[in-house]
Amino acid sequence: QVQLVESGGGLVQPGGSLRLSCATSGITFSIYSVGWYRQAPGKERELVAFVTPGGNTNYADAVKGRFTASRDNAKNTVYLQMTSLRPEDTALYYCNARWNGNGYWGRGTQVTVSS
């Protein structure tokens, strides 16, 4: 059974930081690419960051320089370090693991940036 479980969300003030985790099980994690997505109320889900099996990363322009994605293959986990958070970063954050046409989603973790 494949599971992706996000954690680490919460309420943070503007300018603050959070680290999200996406723990996976049931897949050969090391061969999967993993994306971090977010969806704000009334908006479409958007790709925030992407980590390849080799650890290469890509970021949406809106988060470049503020967010850092990484992976630990020994722990089957991907991370998203978020700094200098802004109110517009408020959203439900999801991870998605994909390989060879197979894709799996977690249920998300809520990030709220507000004073």
C-alpha atoms as a PDB file:
ATOM      1  CA  GLN A   1       0.000   0.000   0.000  1.00  0.00           C
ATOM      2  CA  VAL A   2       1.454   3.322  -1.073  1.00  0.00           C
ATOM      3  CA  GLN A   3       1.316   6.178   1.402  1.00  0.00           C
ATOM      4  CA  LEU A   4       2.551   9.734   1.284  1.00  0.00           C
ATOM      5  CA  VAL A   5       2.126  11.679   4.506  1.00  0.00           C
ATOM      6  CA  GLU A   6       2.853  15.377   4.715  1.00  0.00           C
ATOM      7  CA  SER A   7       3.601  17.105   8.003  1.00  0.00           C
ATOM      8  CA  GLY A   8       5.108  20.291   9.366  1.00  0.00           C
ATOM      9  CA  GLY A   9       2.462  22.792   8.396  1.00  0.00           C
ATOM     10  CA  GLY A  10       1.019  25.351  10.750  1.00  0.00           C
ATOM     11  CA  LEU A  11       0.420  29.002  11.466  1.00  0.00           C
ATOM     12  CA  VAL A  12       3.408  31.297  11.066  1.00  0.00           C
ATOM     13  CA  GLN A  13       3.900  35.055  10.955  1.00  0.00           C
ATOM     14  CA  PRO A  14       5.065  36.778   7.781  1.00  0.00           C
ATOM     15  CA  GLY A  15       8.816  36.451   7.468  1.00  0.00           C
ATOM     16  CA  GLY A  16       8.821  33.200   9.379  1.00  0.00           C
ATOM     17  CA  SER A  17       9.945  29.724   8.399  1.00  0.00           C
ATOM     18  CA  LEU A  18       8.550  26.221   8.278  1.00  0.00           C
ATOM     19  CA  ARG A  19       9.899  22.874   7.171  1.00  0.00           C
ATOM     20  CA  LEU A  20       7.488  20.463   5.562  1.00  0.00           C
ATOM     21  CA  SER A  21       8.124  16.735   5.331  1.00  0.00           C
ATOM     22  CA  CYS A  22       6.676  14.139   3.010  1.00  0.00           C
ATOM     23  CA  ALA A  23       7.209  10.628   4.320  1.00  0.00           C
ATOM     24  CA  THR A  24       6.602   7.850   1.825  1.00  0.00           C
ATOM     25  CA  SER A  25       6.079   4.120   2.078  1.00  0.00           C
ATOM     26  CA  GLY A  26       5.151   1.344  -0.302  1.00  0.00           C
ATOM     27  CA  ILE A  27       7.291   2.623  -3.188  1.00  0.00           C
ATOM     28  CA  THR A  28      10.923   2.339  -4.237  1.00  0.00           C
ATOM     29  CA  PHE A  29      11.430   5.916  -3.192  1.00  0.00           C
ATOM     30  CA  SER A  30      14.887   6.404  -4.693  1.00  0.00           C
ATOM     31  CA  ILE A  31      13.624   6.118  -8.278  1.00  0.00           C
ATOM     32  CA  TYR A  32      10.706   8.534  -7.865  1.00  0.00           C
ATOM     33  CA  SER A  33      10.644  12.222  -8.636  1.00  0.00           C
ATOM     34  CA  VAL A  34       8.729  14.197  -6.053  1.00  0.00           C
ATOM     35  CA  GLY A  35       6.905  17.454  -6.455  1.00  0.00           C
ATOM     36  CA  TRP A  36       5.596  19.847  -3.842  1.00  0.00           C
ATOM     37  CA  TYR A  37       2.328  21.472  -4.852  1.00  0.00           C
ATOM     38  CA  ARG A  38       0.036  23.934  -3.161  1.00  0.00           C
ATOM     39  CA  GLN A  39      -3.547  24.980  -3.514  1.00  0.00           C
ATOM     40  CA  ALA A  40      -5.011  28.135  -2.047  1.00  0.00           C
ATOM     41  CA  PRO A  41      -8.764  28.619  -1.642  1.00  0.00           C
ATOM     42  CA  GLY A  42     -10.361  29.460  -4.980  1.00  0.00           C
ATOM     43  CA  LYS A  43      -7.166  28.804  -6.904  1.00  0.00           C
ATOM     44  CA  GLU A  44      -5.807  25.932  -8.933  1.00  0.00           C
ATOM     45  CA  ARG A  45      -3.176  23.599  -7.576  1.00  0.00           C
ATOM     46  CA  GLU A  46       0.292  24.757  -8.589  1.00  0.00           C
ATOM     47  CA  LEU A  47       3.720  23.197  -8.622  1.00  0.00           C
ATOM     48  CA  VAL A  48       6.043  24.808  -6.094  1.00  0.00           C
ATOM     49  CA  ALA A  49       9.180  22.678  -6.212  1.00  0.00           C
ATOM     50  CA  PHE A  50      10.404  19.485  -7.828  1.00  0.00           C
ATOM     51  CA  VAL A  51      13.127  17.045  -6.799  1.00  0.00           C
ATOM     52  CA  THR A  52      14.506  14.435  -9.188  1.00  0.00           C
ATOM     53  CA  PRO A  53      15.758  11.020  -8.062  1.00  0.00           C
ATOM     54  CA  GLY A  54      19.279  12.413  -8.231  1.00  0.00           C
ATOM     55  CA  GLY A  55      18.393  15.345  -6.021  1.00  0.00           C
ATOM     56  CA  ASN A  56      18.246  18.056  -8.685  1.00  0.00           C
ATOM     57  CA  THR A  57      15.645  20.694  -7.958  1.00  0.00           C
ATOM     58  CA  ASN A  58      13.451  23.183  -9.766  1.00  0.00           C
ATOM     59  CA  TYR A  59      11.281  25.904  -8.295  1.00  0.00           C
ATOM     60  CA  ALA A  60       8.379  28.088  -9.237  1.00  0.00           C
ATOM     61  CA  ASP A  61       9.400  31.703  -9.729  1.00  0.00           C
ATOM     62  CA  ALA A  62       7.222  32.746  -6.794  1.00  0.00           C
ATOM     63  CA  VAL A  63       9.336  30.773  -4.319  1.00  0.00           C
ATOM     64  CA  LYS A  64      12.834  30.874  -5.811  1.00  0.00           C
ATOM     65  CA  GLY A  65      15.366  31.979  -3.264  1.00  0.00           C
ATOM     66  CA  ARG A  66      12.967  31.363  -0.376  1.00  0.00           C
ATOM     67  CA  PHE A  67      12.110  27.653  -0.554  1.00  0.00           C
ATOM     68  CA  THR A  68      14.508  24.724  -0.690  1.00  0.00           C
ATOM     69  CA  ALA A  69      13.490  21.165  -1.527  1.00  0.00           C
ATOM     70  CA  SER A  70      15.621  18.177  -0.604  1.00  0.00           C
ATOM     71  CA  ARG A  71      15.341  14.462  -0.175  1.00  0.00           C
ATOM     72  CA  ASP A  72      16.717  11.777   2.122  1.00  0.00           C
ATOM     73  CA  ASN A  73      16.549   8.454   0.332  1.00  0.00           C
ATOM     74  CA  ALA A  74      17.555   6.587   3.481  1.00  0.00           C
ATOM     75  CA  LYS A  75      14.427   7.920   5.190  1.00  0.00           C
ATOM     76  CA  ASN A  76      12.173   7.796   2.111  1.00  0.00           C
ATOM     77  CA  THR A  77      11.343  11.419   2.809  1.00  0.00           C
ATOM     78  CA  VAL A  78      11.301  14.704   0.943  1.00  0.00           C
ATOM     79  CA  TYR A  79      11.507  18.080   2.647  1.00  0.00           C
ATOM     80  CA  LEU A  80      10.509  21.606   1.784  1.00  0.00           C
ATOM     81  CA  GLN A  81      12.284  24.277   3.786  1.00  0.00           C
ATOM     82  CA  MET A  82      10.304  27.500   3.513  1.00  0.00           C
ATOM     83  CA  THR A  83      11.736  30.831   4.626  1.00  0.00           C
ATOM     84  CA  SER A  84      10.659  34.461   4.358  1.00  0.00           C
ATOM     85  CA  LEU A  85       7.079  33.304   4.234  1.00  0.00           C
ATOM     86  CA  ARG A  86       4.434  35.644   2.890  1.00  0.00           C
ATOM     87  CA  PRO A  87       0.658  35.730   3.296  1.00  0.00           C
ATOM     88  CA  GLU A  88       0.342  34.650  -0.334  1.00  0.00           C
ATOM     89  CA  ASP A  89       2.124  31.403   0.560  1.00  0.00           C
ATOM     90  CA  THR A  90      -0.958  30.381   2.537  1.00  0.00           C
ATOM     91  CA  ALA A  91      -2.266  27.141   1.039  1.00  0.00           C
ATOM     92  CA  LEU A  92      -2.674  23.430   1.474  1.00  0.00           C
ATOM     93  CA  TYR A  93       0.650  21.874   0.521  1.00  0.00           C
ATOM     94  CA  TYR A  94       0.802  18.437  -1.091  1.00  0.00           C
ATOM     95  CA  CYS A  95       3.546  16.123  -2.211  1.00  0.00           C
ATOM     96  CA  ASN A  96       3.332  13.971  -5.318  1.00  0.00           C
ATOM     97  CA  ALA A  97       5.640  11.079  -6.155  1.00  0.00           C
ATOM     98  CA  ARG A  98       5.857   9.939  -9.759  1.00  0.00           C
ATOM     99  CA  TRP A  99       7.711   7.394 -11.833  1.00  0.00           C
ATOM    100  CA  ASN A 100       7.043   5.825 -15.207  1.00  0.00           C
ATOM    101  CA  GLY A 101       3.483   7.081 -15.421  1.00  0.00           C
ATOM    102  CA  ASN A 102       2.594   6.179 -11.871  1.00  0.00           C
ATOM    103  CA  GLY A 103       1.770   9.021  -9.520  1.00  0.00           C
ATOM    104  CA  TYR A 104       0.715   9.195  -5.881  1.00  0.00           C
ATOM    105  CA  TRP A 105      -0.553  12.060  -3.756  1.00  0.00           C
ATOM    106  CA  GLY A 106      -0.557  12.784  -0.070  1.00  0.00           C
ATOM    107  CA  ARG A 107      -3.482  14.431   1.709  1.00  0.00           C
ATOM    108  CA  GLY A 108      -1.700  17.697   2.341  1.00  0.00           C
ATOM    109  CA  THR A 109      -0.629  19.883   5.225  1.00  0.00           C
ATOM    110  CA  GLN A 110      -1.995  23.379   5.805  1.00  0.00           C
ATOM    111  CA  VAL A 111       0.327  26.360   5.864  1.00  0.00           C
ATOM    112  CA  THR A 112      -1.121  29.658   7.034  1.00  0.00           C
ATOM    113  CA  VAL A 113       0.956  32.826   6.999  1.00  0.00           C
ATOM    114  CA  SER A 114      -0.705  35.563   8.996  1.00  0.00           C
ATOM    115  CA  SER A 115       0.025  38.118  11.665  1.00  0.00           C
END
